[in-house]
């Protein structure tokens, strides 16, 4: 449901019609990213407050500054929450397709706008994607627990003072 104020590809690659620009209005969130590369620049993402634009239709405007061309998009939905979620998905989509790499909060390659599981293609696909994510997260957590357990066991064997076992080296004090 993502809409742009100017011609841009939709999520399925089709062109969306030109829309009248939805003013940003009250800003509810701002994020400043830094592009990574030779010509580092700051890109600011501002999210406006979702608002009703028709019967059963809400929009949430988003403004980008610092990209090669200023851009404004809007997420759409049947309520304010769906419009906000759609707008945040649009931010991820827009930044991914900008051809730029970013850093946020000191993490290179991160924008803080995660990809969302699409539910517009049906609940069966969304359930499969969610099951896959849950399975991979479970594997990651189990591997992390094994690493922590292995490291904790090594520390117990070495002892808090760095000596083998838990005996304190009394020769030096």
N, C-alpha and C. Protein backbone atom coordinates (compact mmCIF):
# COMPACT_ATOMS: atom_id res chain seq x y z
N UNK A 1 0.80 -1.19 0.00
CA UNK A 1 0.00 0.00 0.00
C UNK A 1 0.85 1.27 0.00
N UNK A 2 2.14 1.11 0.03
CA UNK A 2 3.05 2.24 0.03
C UNK A 2 2.79 3.13 -1.16
N UNK A 3 2.75 4.42 -0.94
CA UNK A 3 2.54 5.38 -2.02
C UNK A 3 3.63 6.43 -1.98
N UNK A 4 4.03 6.88 -3.12
CA UNK A 4 5.03 7.95 -3.20
C UNK A 4 4.38 9.21 -3.74
N UNK A 5 4.98 10.33 -3.43
CA UNK A 5 4.46 11.60 -3.91
C UNK A 5 4.78 11.79 -5.39
N UNK A 6 5.69 11.03 -5.91
CA UNK A 6 6.05 11.09 -7.33
C UNK A 6 6.08 9.68 -7.87
N UNK A 7 6.27 9.51 -9.17
CA UNK A 7 6.33 8.18 -9.76
C UNK A 7 7.44 7.36 -9.11
N UNK A 8 7.14 6.17 -8.67
CA UNK A 8 8.16 5.26 -8.14
C UNK A 8 7.64 3.85 -8.28
N UNK A 9 8.53 2.86 -8.31
CA UNK A 9 8.06 1.49 -8.42
C UNK A 9 7.33 1.08 -7.15
N UNK A 10 6.25 0.34 -7.30
CA UNK A 10 5.58 -0.20 -6.13
C UNK A 10 6.33 -1.45 -5.69
N UNK A 11 5.88 -2.06 -4.60
CA UNK A 11 6.57 -3.23 -4.08
C UNK A 11 6.60 -4.37 -5.10
N UNK A 12 5.63 -4.41 -6.01
CA UNK A 12 5.62 -5.48 -7.00
C UNK A 12 6.24 -5.05 -8.33
N UNK A 13 6.87 -3.86 -8.35
CA UNK A 13 7.58 -3.42 -9.55
C UNK A 13 6.76 -2.57 -10.50
N UNK A 14 5.44 -2.48 -10.30
CA UNK A 14 4.62 -1.65 -11.18
C UNK A 14 4.76 -0.18 -10.80
N UNK A 15 4.48 0.70 -11.72
CA UNK A 15 4.52 2.13 -11.43
C UNK A 15 3.24 2.53 -10.71
N UNK A 16 3.39 3.38 -9.70
CA UNK A 16 2.21 3.90 -9.01
C UNK A 16 1.88 5.26 -9.59
N UNK A 17 0.62 5.64 -9.61
CA UNK A 17 0.26 6.94 -10.19
C UNK A 17 0.75 8.09 -9.31
N UNK A 18 0.94 9.24 -9.94
CA UNK A 18 1.33 10.44 -9.20
C UNK A 18 0.20 10.80 -8.24
N UNK A 19 0.59 11.12 -7.02
CA UNK A 19 -0.40 11.48 -6.02
C UNK A 19 -0.19 12.92 -5.59
N UNK A 20 -1.24 13.50 -5.04
CA UNK A 20 -1.02 14.80 -4.44
C UNK A 20 -0.18 14.58 -3.18
N UNK A 21 0.72 15.50 -2.93
CA UNK A 21 1.66 15.37 -1.82
C UNK A 21 0.91 15.48 -0.50
N UNK A 22 1.11 14.52 0.38
CA UNK A 22 0.53 14.52 1.72
C UNK A 22 1.52 15.25 2.62
N UNK A 23 1.10 16.33 3.23
CA UNK A 23 2.03 17.10 4.06
C UNK A 23 2.50 16.25 5.24
N UNK A 24 3.72 16.50 5.67
CA UNK A 24 4.31 15.73 6.76
C UNK A 24 3.55 15.95 8.07
N UNK A 25 3.10 17.15 8.32
CA UNK A 25 2.35 17.44 9.54
C UNK A 25 3.22 17.26 10.78
N UNK A 26 2.60 16.82 11.87
CA UNK A 26 3.32 16.60 13.13
C UNK A 26 4.30 15.45 12.96
N UNK A 27 5.55 15.69 13.31
CA UNK A 27 6.57 14.65 13.22
C UNK A 27 6.53 13.83 14.50
N UNK A 28 6.37 12.51 14.35
CA UNK A 28 6.32 11.64 15.53
C UNK A 28 7.63 10.87 15.75
N UNK A 29 8.48 10.82 14.73
CA UNK A 29 9.75 10.10 14.87
C UNK A 29 10.75 10.62 13.85
N UNK A 30 12.01 10.66 14.25
CA UNK A 30 13.10 11.08 13.36
C UNK A 30 14.28 10.15 13.57
N UNK A 31 14.94 9.77 12.50
CA UNK A 31 16.18 8.99 12.59
C UNK A 31 17.18 9.59 11.62
N UNK A 32 18.41 9.73 12.11
CA UNK A 32 19.49 10.25 11.27
C UNK A 32 20.48 9.12 11.00
N UNK A 33 20.67 8.84 9.73
CA UNK A 33 21.59 7.80 9.28
C UNK A 33 22.81 8.47 8.65
N UNK A 34 23.90 7.73 8.59
CA UNK A 34 25.09 8.20 7.89
C UNK A 34 25.37 7.24 6.76
N UNK A 35 25.57 7.77 5.56
CA UNK A 35 25.90 6.89 4.45
C UNK A 35 27.35 6.45 4.60
N UNK A 36 27.64 5.25 4.15
CA UNK A 36 28.98 4.67 4.23
C UNK A 36 29.59 4.73 2.84
N UNK A 37 30.80 5.19 2.73
CA UNK A 37 31.46 5.27 1.43
C UNK A 37 32.31 6.52 1.32
N UNK A 38 32.76 6.77 0.11
CA UNK A 38 33.65 7.90 -0.14
C UNK A 38 33.01 9.23 0.24
N UNK A 39 31.80 9.44 -0.19
CA UNK A 39 31.10 10.70 0.07
C UNK A 39 30.06 10.50 1.18
N UNK A 40 30.53 10.42 2.40
CA UNK A 40 29.60 10.21 3.52
C UNK A 40 28.67 11.41 3.62
N UNK A 41 27.42 11.13 3.82
CA UNK A 41 26.42 12.18 4.00
C UNK A 41 25.40 11.70 5.02
N UNK A 42 24.68 12.66 5.57
CA UNK A 42 23.64 12.31 6.53
C UNK A 42 22.30 12.24 5.80
N UNK A 43 21.56 11.20 6.11
CA UNK A 43 20.21 11.04 5.58
C UNK A 43 19.27 11.04 6.77
N UNK A 44 18.28 11.90 6.73
CA UNK A 44 17.32 11.99 7.82
C UNK A 44 15.97 11.46 7.36
N UNK A 45 15.39 10.62 8.19
CA UNK A 45 14.06 10.05 7.93
C UNK A 45 13.13 10.64 8.98
N UNK A 46 12.07 11.29 8.53
CA UNK A 46 11.07 11.87 9.44
C UNK A 46 9.73 11.20 9.16
N UNK A 47 9.09 10.75 10.22
CA UNK A 47 7.79 10.08 10.10
C UNK A 47 6.73 11.01 10.67
N UNK A 48 5.72 11.28 9.87
CA UNK A 48 4.61 12.12 10.32
C UNK A 48 3.54 11.29 11.02
N UNK A 49 2.68 11.98 11.72
CA UNK A 49 1.58 11.32 12.44
C UNK A 49 0.58 10.75 11.43
N UNK A 50 0.19 9.47 11.60
CA UNK A 50 -0.84 8.90 10.71
C UNK A 50 -2.14 9.69 10.86
N UNK A 51 -2.85 9.82 9.74
CA UNK A 51 -4.13 10.53 9.80
C UNK A 51 -5.10 9.96 8.77
N UNK A 52 -6.38 10.17 9.09
CA UNK A 52 -7.45 9.69 8.21
C UNK A 52 -7.47 10.53 6.94
N UNK A 53 -7.51 9.86 5.78
CA UNK A 53 -7.56 10.57 4.50
C UNK A 53 -8.82 10.23 3.71
N UNK A 54 -9.61 9.35 4.23
CA UNK A 54 -10.85 8.96 3.58
C UNK A 54 -11.59 7.98 4.48
N UNK A 55 -12.74 7.55 4.03
CA UNK A 55 -13.51 6.58 4.81
C UNK A 55 -12.77 5.26 4.83
N UNK A 56 -12.37 4.82 6.00
CA UNK A 56 -11.64 3.56 6.13
C UNK A 56 -10.24 3.59 5.54
N UNK A 57 -9.67 4.79 5.35
CA UNK A 57 -8.32 4.89 4.79
C UNK A 57 -7.49 5.89 5.59
N UNK A 58 -6.31 5.44 5.99
CA UNK A 58 -5.37 6.25 6.73
C UNK A 58 -4.07 6.33 5.96
N UNK A 59 -3.31 7.39 6.22
CA UNK A 59 -2.01 7.56 5.59
C UNK A 59 -1.01 8.03 6.65
N UNK A 60 0.23 7.61 6.46
CA UNK A 60 1.31 8.01 7.35
C UNK A 60 2.47 8.49 6.47
N UNK A 61 2.70 9.80 6.45
CA UNK A 61 3.74 10.34 5.57
C UNK A 61 5.15 10.15 6.13
N UNK A 62 6.12 9.98 5.24
CA UNK A 62 7.53 9.85 5.60
C UNK A 62 8.33 10.74 4.66
N UNK A 63 9.26 11.49 5.22
CA UNK A 63 10.10 12.38 4.43
C UNK A 63 11.57 11.96 4.56
N UNK A 64 12.26 11.91 3.43
CA UNK A 64 13.70 11.60 3.40
C UNK A 64 14.43 12.85 2.95
N UNK A 65 15.46 13.26 3.69
CA UNK A 65 16.35 14.32 3.24
C UNK A 65 17.76 13.78 3.27
N UNK A 66 18.57 14.22 2.32
CA UNK A 66 19.95 13.76 2.25
C UNK A 66 20.17 12.68 1.21
N UNK A 67 19.11 12.11 0.66
CA UNK A 67 19.24 11.18 -0.47
C UNK A 67 19.57 12.03 -1.70
N UNK A 68 20.04 11.40 -2.78
CA UNK A 68 20.35 12.20 -3.97
C UNK A 68 19.22 13.14 -4.38
N UNK A 69 17.97 12.72 -4.17
CA UNK A 69 16.82 13.59 -4.42
C UNK A 69 15.91 13.51 -3.21
N UNK A 70 15.39 14.66 -2.73
CA UNK A 70 14.43 14.61 -1.62
C UNK A 70 13.23 13.76 -2.02
N UNK A 71 12.72 13.04 -1.07
CA UNK A 71 11.64 12.10 -1.38
C UNK A 71 10.65 12.08 -0.23
N UNK A 72 9.38 11.93 -0.57
CA UNK A 72 8.36 11.72 0.44
C UNK A 72 7.48 10.57 -0.01
N UNK A 73 7.22 9.65 0.91
CA UNK A 73 6.34 8.52 0.66
C UNK A 73 5.25 8.54 1.72
N UNK A 74 4.27 7.68 1.56
CA UNK A 74 3.28 7.53 2.63
C UNK A 74 2.83 6.07 2.68
N UNK A 75 2.71 5.58 3.90
CA UNK A 75 2.14 4.26 4.13
C UNK A 75 0.64 4.41 4.20
N UNK A 76 -0.07 3.40 3.76
CA UNK A 76 -1.53 3.45 3.76
C UNK A 76 -2.09 2.26 4.52
N UNK A 77 -3.28 2.41 5.05
CA UNK A 77 -3.92 1.31 5.75
C UNK A 77 -5.35 1.60 6.10
N UNK A 78 -6.01 0.60 6.66
CA UNK A 78 -7.40 0.75 7.07
C UNK A 78 -7.52 1.42 8.43
N UNK A 79 -6.39 1.51 9.15
CA UNK A 79 -6.35 2.24 10.41
C UNK A 79 -4.96 2.85 10.58
N UNK A 80 -4.78 3.62 11.64
CA UNK A 80 -3.51 4.33 11.82
C UNK A 80 -2.35 3.38 12.04
N UNK A 81 -2.58 2.27 12.72
CA UNK A 81 -1.50 1.31 12.95
C UNK A 81 -1.02 0.69 11.64
N UNK A 82 -1.94 0.27 10.79
CA UNK A 82 -1.53 -0.32 9.52
C UNK A 82 -0.81 0.70 8.65
N UNK A 83 -1.24 1.94 8.67
CA UNK A 83 -0.58 2.98 7.89
C UNK A 83 0.85 3.20 8.41
N UNK A 84 1.03 3.21 9.73
CA UNK A 84 2.35 3.39 10.33
C UNK A 84 3.27 2.22 9.98
N UNK A 85 2.78 1.00 10.12
CA UNK A 85 3.59 -0.18 9.79
C UNK A 85 3.97 -0.16 8.31
N UNK A 86 3.02 0.18 7.46
CA UNK A 86 3.28 0.25 6.02
C UNK A 86 4.32 1.33 5.71
N UNK A 87 4.24 2.46 6.42
CA UNK A 87 5.22 3.53 6.21
C UNK A 87 6.62 3.06 6.60
N UNK A 88 6.75 2.35 7.72
CA UNK A 88 8.06 1.86 8.15
C UNK A 88 8.61 0.80 7.19
N UNK A 89 7.72 -0.03 6.64
CA UNK A 89 8.15 -0.96 5.60
C UNK A 89 8.65 -0.17 4.38
N UNK A 90 7.97 0.92 4.07
CA UNK A 90 8.36 1.77 2.96
C UNK A 90 9.72 2.41 3.18
N UNK A 91 10.04 2.74 4.43
CA UNK A 91 11.36 3.29 4.73
C UNK A 91 12.42 2.24 4.43
N UNK A 92 12.22 1.02 4.91
CA UNK A 92 13.17 -0.06 4.64
C UNK A 92 13.35 -0.24 3.13
N UNK A 93 12.25 -0.33 2.42
CA UNK A 93 12.25 -0.53 0.97
C UNK A 93 12.99 0.60 0.25
N UNK A 94 12.70 1.85 0.62
CA UNK A 94 13.32 3.01 -0.02
C UNK A 94 14.82 3.05 0.22
N UNK A 95 15.24 2.80 1.46
CA UNK A 95 16.66 2.82 1.77
C UNK A 95 17.41 1.69 1.08
N UNK A 96 16.81 0.50 1.03
CA UNK A 96 17.43 -0.64 0.35
C UNK A 96 17.65 -0.34 -1.12
N UNK A 97 16.71 0.32 -1.76
CA UNK A 97 16.78 0.57 -3.19
C UNK A 97 17.49 1.87 -3.55
N UNK A 98 17.98 2.58 -2.56
CA UNK A 98 18.67 3.84 -2.83
C UNK A 98 20.06 3.61 -3.42
N UNK A 99 20.59 2.39 -3.28
CA UNK A 99 21.93 2.09 -3.75
C UNK A 99 23.01 2.54 -2.78
N UNK A 100 22.60 3.05 -1.64
CA UNK A 100 23.56 3.53 -0.64
C UNK A 100 23.61 2.53 0.52
N UNK A 101 24.76 2.54 1.20
CA UNK A 101 24.89 1.76 2.45
C UNK A 101 24.90 2.76 3.60
N UNK A 102 24.34 2.36 4.72
CA UNK A 102 24.19 3.28 5.85
C UNK A 102 24.77 2.69 7.12
N UNK A 103 24.99 3.57 8.08
CA UNK A 103 25.27 3.13 9.44
C UNK A 103 24.32 3.88 10.36
N UNK A 104 23.97 3.22 11.43
CA UNK A 104 23.08 3.79 12.43
C UNK A 104 23.53 3.28 13.79
N UNK A 105 23.58 4.16 14.76
CA UNK A 105 24.00 3.81 16.12
C UNK A 105 25.37 3.13 16.13
N UNK A 106 26.22 3.54 15.20
CA UNK A 106 27.58 3.01 15.14
C UNK A 106 27.69 1.64 14.50
N UNK A 107 26.62 1.13 13.93
CA UNK A 107 26.63 -0.20 13.31
C UNK A 107 26.57 -0.03 11.79
N UNK A 108 27.67 -0.37 11.12
CA UNK A 108 27.72 -0.23 9.67
C UNK A 108 26.81 -1.28 9.02
N UNK A 109 26.07 -0.85 8.01
CA UNK A 109 25.17 -1.76 7.30
C UNK A 109 23.80 -1.87 7.97
N UNK A 110 23.55 -1.06 8.97
CA UNK A 110 22.28 -1.12 9.71
C UNK A 110 21.56 0.21 9.62
N UNK A 111 20.24 0.13 9.43
CA UNK A 111 19.42 1.34 9.42
C UNK A 111 18.45 1.39 10.60
N UNK A 112 18.22 0.25 11.22
CA UNK A 112 17.24 0.21 12.30
C UNK A 112 15.82 0.09 11.80
N UNK A 113 15.66 -0.08 10.50
CA UNK A 113 14.33 -0.28 9.91
C UNK A 113 14.31 -1.70 9.35
N UNK A 114 13.84 -2.67 10.14
CA UNK A 114 13.89 -4.06 9.70
C UNK A 114 12.87 -4.36 8.61
N UNK A 115 13.15 -5.41 7.91
CA UNK A 115 12.20 -5.91 6.91
C UNK A 115 11.06 -6.58 7.67
N UNK A 116 9.86 -6.39 7.20
CA UNK A 116 8.69 -6.99 7.84
C UNK A 116 8.22 -8.20 7.06
N UNK A 117 7.54 -9.08 7.74
CA UNK A 117 6.94 -10.24 7.08
C UNK A 117 5.70 -9.75 6.34
N UNK A 118 5.64 -9.95 5.02
CA UNK A 118 4.47 -9.49 4.27
C UNK A 118 3.25 -10.37 4.54
N UNK A 119 2.15 -9.75 4.86
CA UNK A 119 0.92 -10.52 5.06
C UNK A 119 -0.05 -10.31 3.90
N UNK A 120 0.28 -9.42 2.99
CA UNK A 120 -0.59 -9.14 1.85
C UNK A 120 -0.63 -10.25 0.82
N UNK A 121 0.28 -11.24 0.94
CA UNK A 121 0.30 -12.36 -0.01
C UNK A 121 -0.41 -13.58 0.56
N UNK A 122 -1.08 -13.40 1.69
CA UNK A 122 -1.84 -14.49 2.29
C UNK A 122 -1.24 -14.96 3.59
N UNK A 123 -2.11 -15.49 4.43
CA UNK A 123 -1.69 -15.94 5.75
C UNK A 123 -0.82 -17.18 5.72
N UNK A 124 -0.99 -18.02 4.70
CA UNK A 124 -0.18 -19.24 4.61
C UNK A 124 1.29 -18.89 4.40
N UNK A 125 1.57 -18.00 3.47
CA UNK A 125 2.95 -17.59 3.24
C UNK A 125 3.52 -16.89 4.47
N UNK A 126 2.75 -15.98 5.08
CA UNK A 126 3.22 -15.29 6.29
C UNK A 126 3.54 -16.29 7.40
N UNK A 127 2.71 -17.32 7.56
CA UNK A 127 2.96 -18.33 8.59
C UNK A 127 4.24 -19.11 8.29
N UNK A 128 4.47 -19.44 7.01
CA UNK A 128 5.70 -20.15 6.64
C UNK A 128 6.93 -19.30 6.92
N UNK A 129 6.87 -18.03 6.56
CA UNK A 129 8.00 -17.13 6.80
C UNK A 129 8.25 -16.97 8.30
N UNK A 130 7.19 -16.79 9.08
CA UNK A 130 7.34 -16.66 10.53
C UNK A 130 7.90 -17.93 11.15
N UNK A 131 7.47 -19.09 10.68
CA UNK A 131 7.99 -20.37 11.20
C UNK A 131 9.48 -20.48 10.90
N UNK A 132 9.89 -20.07 9.71
CA UNK A 132 11.30 -20.11 9.35
C UNK A 132 12.12 -19.19 10.26
N UNK A 133 11.61 -17.96 10.47
CA UNK A 133 12.30 -17.01 11.34
C UNK A 133 12.41 -17.58 12.75
N UNK A 134 11.32 -18.13 13.28
CA UNK A 134 11.34 -18.71 14.62
C UNK A 134 12.34 -19.85 14.72
N UNK A 135 12.39 -20.69 13.70
CA UNK A 135 13.33 -21.81 13.69
C UNK A 135 14.78 -21.31 13.70
N UNK A 136 15.09 -20.32 12.87
CA UNK A 136 16.45 -19.78 12.81
C UNK A 136 16.82 -19.06 14.10
N UNK A 137 15.88 -18.31 14.68
CA UNK A 137 16.16 -17.66 15.97
C UNK A 137 16.42 -18.69 17.06
N UNK A 138 15.66 -19.77 17.06
CA UNK A 138 15.87 -20.85 18.03
C UNK A 138 17.26 -21.45 17.88
N UNK A 139 17.68 -21.68 16.66
CA UNK A 139 19.03 -22.22 16.42
C UNK A 139 20.10 -21.24 16.90
N UNK A 140 19.91 -19.97 16.64
CA UNK A 140 20.87 -18.96 17.06
C UNK A 140 20.97 -18.91 18.58
N UNK A 141 19.83 -18.92 19.26
CA UNK A 141 19.82 -18.86 20.73
C UNK A 141 20.49 -20.10 21.31
N UNK A 142 20.20 -21.27 20.77
CA UNK A 142 20.83 -22.50 21.28
C UNK A 142 22.33 -22.46 21.10
N UNK A 143 22.81 -21.99 19.94
CA UNK A 143 24.25 -21.89 19.70
C UNK A 143 24.88 -20.89 20.66
N UNK A 144 24.21 -19.78 20.92
CA UNK A 144 24.73 -18.78 21.86
C UNK A 144 24.80 -19.36 23.27
N UNK A 145 23.79 -20.12 23.67
CA UNK A 145 23.81 -20.76 25.00
C UNK A 145 24.97 -21.74 25.11
N UNK A 146 25.22 -22.49 24.05
CA UNK A 146 26.35 -23.43 24.07
C UNK A 146 27.68 -22.69 24.21
N UNK A 147 27.82 -21.56 23.50
CA UNK A 147 29.06 -20.77 23.61
C UNK A 147 29.23 -20.22 25.02
N UNK A 148 28.18 -19.70 25.60
CA UNK A 148 28.25 -19.16 26.96
C UNK A 148 28.60 -20.26 27.94
N UNK A 149 27.96 -21.40 27.80
CA UNK A 149 28.22 -22.53 28.70
C UNK A 149 29.68 -22.99 28.57
N UNK A 150 30.18 -23.06 27.34
CA UNK A 150 31.58 -23.48 27.13
C UNK A 150 32.53 -22.46 27.75
N UNK A 151 32.27 -21.18 27.58
CA UNK A 151 33.13 -20.14 28.15
C UNK A 151 33.04 -20.11 29.67
N UNK A 152 31.85 -20.31 30.23
CA UNK A 152 31.67 -20.33 31.68
C UNK A 152 32.40 -21.51 32.27
N UNK A 153 32.34 -22.64 31.64
CA UNK A 153 33.06 -23.83 32.13
C UNK A 153 34.56 -23.59 32.14
N UNK A 154 35.08 -22.92 31.14
CA UNK A 154 36.51 -22.61 31.08
C UNK A 154 36.88 -21.68 32.22
N UNK A 155 36.05 -20.68 32.51
CA UNK A 155 36.33 -19.75 33.60
C UNK A 155 36.31 -20.46 34.94
N UNK A 156 35.39 -21.38 35.12
CA UNK A 156 35.34 -22.11 36.40
C UNK A 156 36.60 -22.94 36.59
N UNK A 157 37.07 -23.57 35.52
CA UNK A 157 38.28 -24.38 35.64
C UNK A 157 39.50 -23.52 35.94
N UNK A 158 39.55 -22.29 35.35
CA UNK A 158 40.68 -21.38 35.58
C UNK A 158 40.54 -20.66 36.92
N UNK A 159 39.33 -20.46 37.37
CA UNK A 159 39.12 -19.73 38.62
C UNK A 159 39.09 -18.24 38.37
N UNK A 160 38.54 -17.51 39.30
CA UNK A 160 38.38 -16.07 39.15
C UNK A 160 39.72 -15.35 39.11
N UNK A 161 40.76 -15.91 39.76
CA UNK A 161 42.06 -15.24 39.80
C UNK A 161 42.93 -15.59 38.61
N UNK A 162 42.49 -16.50 37.78
CA UNK A 162 43.29 -16.89 36.62
C UNK A 162 44.14 -18.11 36.91
N UNK A 163 44.13 -18.63 38.13
CA UNK A 163 44.90 -19.82 38.49
C UNK A 163 44.12 -21.07 38.14
N UNK A 164 44.82 -22.15 37.88
CA UNK A 164 44.15 -23.41 37.61
C UNK A 164 43.43 -23.84 38.89
N UNK A 165 42.22 -24.28 38.73
CA UNK A 165 41.41 -24.65 39.90
C UNK A 165 40.90 -23.39 40.57
N UNK A 166 40.37 -23.54 41.78
CA UNK A 166 39.85 -22.39 42.49
C UNK A 166 40.74 -21.98 43.65
N UNK A 167 41.98 -22.46 43.67
CA UNK A 167 42.90 -22.12 44.75
C UNK A 167 43.54 -20.78 44.47
N UNK A 168 43.72 -19.99 45.48
CA UNK A 168 44.39 -18.71 45.36
C UNK A 168 45.87 -18.94 45.51
N UNK A 169 46.67 -18.32 44.68
CA UNK A 169 48.11 -18.45 44.73
C UNK A 169 48.61 -17.67 45.95
N UNK A 170 48.93 -18.38 47.03
CA UNK A 170 49.28 -17.72 48.29
C UNK A 170 50.75 -17.33 48.37
N UNK A 171 51.58 -17.77 47.44
CA UNK A 171 53.01 -17.44 47.48
C UNK A 171 53.25 -15.96 47.30
N UNK A 172 52.35 -15.26 46.56
CA UNK A 172 52.59 -13.85 46.26
C UNK A 172 51.65 -12.94 47.00
N UNK A 173 51.18 -13.35 48.09
CA UNK A 173 50.42 -12.38 48.81
C UNK A 173 49.15 -12.82 49.34
